[in-house]
Amino acid sequence: QVQFEESGGGVVQSGGSLRLSCLASGFRFNTYEMAWYRRAPGKEREMIATIRWTGGSSNYADSVKGRFTISRDNDKKTLYLEMNSLKPEDTAVYYCNISPYWGQGTQVTVSS
């Protein structure tokens, strides 16, 4: 079955960086557009970045544009999210996704 294993979250100071990973299994990873979502405390889940199956085209939410970079390694079946210039409002649980499947997520906490 489809499974995702997100990792790389943690606690970081404002202005810091983290790199999230999502190891996928159970489907043909190299044929699917992938996405990162996040859910901040008390808020709806928000899509923050998508990437085409080729890795050649990506899109970002305005809230992360210019600070986050989505990438993928199809050979490793792994999706990445490089997060720079982190802000306290980036605090959330981060998930990778292909509809309708979700992983457990990884917690990112940014302290001010």
C-alpha atoms as a PDB file:
ATOM      1  CA  GLN A   1       0.000   0.000   0.000  1.00  0.00           C
ATOM      2  CA  VAL A   2       0.990   3.636  -0.344  1.00  0.00           C
ATOM      3  CA  GLN A   3       3.205   4.775   2.520  1.00  0.00           C
ATOM      4  CA  PHE A   4       5.191   7.887   3.340  1.00  0.00           C
ATOM      5  CA  GLU A   5       7.908   8.265   5.954  1.00  0.00           C
ATOM      6  CA  GLU A   6       8.627  11.923   6.675  1.00  0.00           C
ATOM      7  CA  SER A   7      11.731  12.897   8.629  1.00  0.00           C
ATOM      8  CA  GLY A   8      14.054  15.806   9.297  1.00  0.00           C
ATOM      9  CA  GLY A   9      11.868  17.955  11.505  1.00  0.00           C
ATOM     10  CA  GLY A  10      13.033  19.458  14.764  1.00  0.00           C
ATOM     11  CA  VAL A  11      13.410  22.632  16.771  1.00  0.00           C
ATOM     12  CA  VAL A  12      15.306  25.495  15.173  1.00  0.00           C
ATOM     13  CA  GLN A  13      15.769  29.179  15.914  1.00  0.00           C
ATOM     14  CA  SER A  14      14.218  31.875  13.769  1.00  0.00           C
ATOM     15  CA  GLY A  15      16.367  32.392  10.673  1.00  0.00           C
ATOM     16  CA  GLY A  16      17.615  28.820  10.728  1.00  0.00           C
ATOM     17  CA  SER A  17      17.310  26.008   8.203  1.00  0.00           C
ATOM     18  CA  LEU A  18      16.035  22.455   8.020  1.00  0.00           C
ATOM     19  CA  ARG A  19      15.804  19.820   5.317  1.00  0.00           C
ATOM     20  CA  LEU A  20      12.823  17.495   5.334  1.00  0.00           C
ATOM     21  CA  SER A  21      12.734  14.128   3.594  1.00  0.00           C
ATOM     22  CA  CYS A  22       9.845  11.887   2.593  1.00  0.00           C
ATOM     23  CA  LEU A  23      10.552   8.292   1.657  1.00  0.00           C
ATOM     24  CA  ALA A  24       7.697   6.912  -0.453  1.00  0.00           C
ATOM     25  CA  SER A  25       6.659   3.341  -1.201  1.00  0.00           C
ATOM     26  CA  GLY A  26       3.767   1.371  -2.639  1.00  0.00           C
ATOM     27  CA  PHE A  27       3.333   3.256  -5.920  1.00  0.00           C
ATOM     28  CA  ARG A  28       5.300   4.329  -8.988  1.00  0.00           C
ATOM     29  CA  PHE A  29       6.913   7.383  -7.426  1.00  0.00           C
ATOM     30  CA  ASN A  30       8.513   8.580 -10.663  1.00  0.00           C
ATOM     31  CA  THR A  31       5.140   9.040 -12.385  1.00  0.00           C
ATOM     32  CA  TYR A  32       3.401  11.228  -9.802  1.00  0.00           C
ATOM     33  CA  GLU A  33       3.385  14.910  -9.037  1.00  0.00           C
ATOM     34  CA  MET A  34       4.201  15.247  -5.333  1.00  0.00           C
ATOM     35  CA  ALA A  35       3.332  17.868  -2.760  1.00  0.00           C
ATOM     36  CA  TRP A  36       4.326  19.100   0.687  1.00  0.00           C
ATOM     37  CA  TYR A  37       1.611  20.295   3.041  1.00  0.00           C
ATOM     38  CA  ARG A  38       1.702  21.639   6.554  1.00  0.00           C
ATOM     39  CA  ARG A  39      -0.768  22.084   9.389  1.00  0.00           C
ATOM     40  CA  ALA A  40      -0.063  24.774  11.919  1.00  0.00           C
ATOM     41  CA  PRO A  41      -1.709  24.703  15.366  1.00  0.00           C
ATOM     42  CA  GLY A  42      -5.361  25.739  15.082  1.00  0.00           C
ATOM     43  CA  LYS A  43      -5.222  26.114  11.294  1.00  0.00           C
ATOM     44  CA  GLU A  44      -6.306  24.172   8.233  1.00  0.00           C
ATOM     45  CA  ARG A  45      -3.813  22.027   6.361  1.00  0.00           C
ATOM     46  CA  GLU A  46      -2.045  24.177   3.743  1.00  0.00           C
ATOM     47  CA  MET A  47      -0.367  23.077   0.512  1.00  0.00           C
ATOM     48  CA  ILE A  48       3.024  24.769   0.367  1.00  0.00           C
ATOM     49  CA  ALA A  49       4.882  23.235  -2.578  1.00  0.00           C
ATOM     50  CA  THR A  50       4.379  20.884  -5.505  1.00  0.00           C
ATOM     51  CA  ILE A  51       6.764  19.302  -7.980  1.00  0.00           C
ATOM     52  CA  ARG A  52       6.126  17.533 -11.270  1.00  0.00           C
ATOM     53  CA  TRP A  53       7.212  13.928 -11.696  1.00  0.00           C
ATOM     54  CA  THR A  54      10.176  15.037 -13.815  1.00  0.00           C
ATOM     55  CA  GLY A  55      11.344  17.412 -11.100  1.00  0.00           C
ATOM     56  CA  GLY A  56      11.514  20.151 -13.710  1.00  0.00           C
ATOM     57  CA  SER A  57       8.572  22.267 -12.565  1.00  0.00           C
ATOM     58  CA  SER A  58       7.564  23.343  -9.082  1.00  0.00           C
ATOM     59  CA  ASN A  59       5.123  25.731  -7.459  1.00  0.00           C
ATOM     60  CA  TYR A  60       5.046  27.360  -4.036  1.00  0.00           C
ATOM     61  CA  ALA A  61       2.595  29.033  -1.733  1.00  0.00           C
ATOM     62  CA  ASP A  62       3.265  32.744  -1.334  1.00  0.00           C
ATOM     63  CA  SER A  63       4.013  32.178   2.342  1.00  0.00           C
ATOM     64  CA  VAL A  64       7.146  30.132   1.544  1.00  0.00           C
ATOM     65  CA  LYS A  65       8.181  31.357  -1.897  1.00  0.00           C
ATOM     66  CA  GLY A  66      11.844  32.317  -2.021  1.00  0.00           C
ATOM     67  CA  ARG A  67      12.631  30.527   1.250  1.00  0.00           C
ATOM     68  CA  PHE A  68      11.676  26.882   0.616  1.00  0.00           C
ATOM     69  CA  THR A  69      12.797  24.577  -2.205  1.00  0.00           C
ATOM     70  CA  ILE A  70      11.092  21.319  -3.144  1.00  0.00           C
ATOM     71  CA  SER A  71      13.070  18.614  -4.931  1.00  0.00           C
ATOM     72  CA  ARG A  72      12.943  14.897  -5.557  1.00  0.00           C
ATOM     73  CA  ASP A  73      15.171  11.910  -6.243  1.00  0.00           C
ATOM     74  CA  ASN A  74      13.161   9.418  -8.260  1.00  0.00           C
ATOM     75  CA  ASP A  75      15.827   6.721  -7.944  1.00  0.00           C
ATOM     76  CA  LYS A  76      15.602   6.934  -4.140  1.00  0.00           C
ATOM     77  CA  LYS A  77      11.803   7.465  -4.164  1.00  0.00           C
ATOM     78  CA  THR A  78      12.372  10.432  -1.897  1.00  0.00           C
ATOM     79  CA  LEU A  79      10.875  13.901  -1.795  1.00  0.00           C
ATOM     80  CA  TYR A  80      12.735  16.781  -0.122  1.00  0.00           C
ATOM     81  CA  LEU A  81      11.920  20.205   1.260  1.00  0.00           C
ATOM     82  CA  GLU A  82      14.807  22.580   1.934  1.00  0.00           C
ATOM     83  CA  MET A  83      13.624  25.288   4.325  1.00  0.00           C
ATOM     84  CA  ASN A  84      15.672  28.436   4.876  1.00  0.00           C
ATOM     85  CA  SER A  85      15.095  31.698   6.742  1.00  0.00           C
ATOM     86  CA  LEU A  86      12.589  29.934   8.970  1.00  0.00           C
ATOM     87  CA  LYS A  87      10.068  32.007  10.890  1.00  0.00           C
ATOM     88  CA  PRO A  88       7.984  31.195  13.970  1.00  0.00           C
ATOM     89  CA  GLU A  89       4.898  31.088  11.716  1.00  0.00           C
ATOM     90  CA  ASP A  90       6.458  28.123   9.879  1.00  0.00           C
ATOM     91  CA  THR A  91       5.875  26.035  13.005  1.00  0.00           C
ATOM     92  CA  ALA A  92       3.675  23.127  11.887  1.00  0.00           C
ATOM     93  CA  VAL A  93       3.510  19.435  11.150  1.00  0.00           C
ATOM     94  CA  TYR A  94       4.769  18.871   7.609  1.00  0.00           C
ATOM     95  CA  TYR A  95       3.395  16.124   5.368  1.00  0.00           C
ATOM     96  CA  CYS A  96       4.103  14.786   1.907  1.00  0.00           C
ATOM     97  CA  ASN A  97       1.156  13.766  -0.190  1.00  0.00           C
ATOM     98  CA  ILE A  98      -0.423  12.203  -3.189  1.00  0.00           C
ATOM     99  CA  SER A  99      -4.165  12.321  -2.876  1.00  0.00           C
ATOM    100  CA  PRO A 100      -5.704  10.743  -0.829  1.00  0.00           C
ATOM    101  CA  TYR A 101      -2.670   9.382   1.036  1.00  0.00           C
ATOM    102  CA  TRP A 102      -0.866  10.984   3.969  1.00  0.00           C
ATOM    103  CA  GLY A 103       2.094  10.087   6.124  1.00  0.00           C
ATOM    104  CA  GLN A 104       2.440  10.690   9.875  1.00  0.00           C
ATOM    105  CA  GLY A 105       4.173  13.995   9.273  1.00  0.00           C
ATOM    106  CA  THR A 106       7.221  15.552  10.883  1.00  0.00           C
ATOM    107  CA  GLN A 107       7.071  18.362  13.430  1.00  0.00           C
ATOM    108  CA  VAL A 108       8.914  21.611  12.744  1.00  0.00           C
ATOM    109  CA  THR A 109       9.129  24.135  15.558  1.00  0.00           C
ATOM    110  CA  VAL A 110      10.715  27.538  15.006  1.00  0.00           C
ATOM    111  CA  SER A 111      11.528  29.507  18.132  1.00  0.00           C
ATOM    112  CA  SER A 112      11.740  33.288  18.134  1.00  0.00           C
END
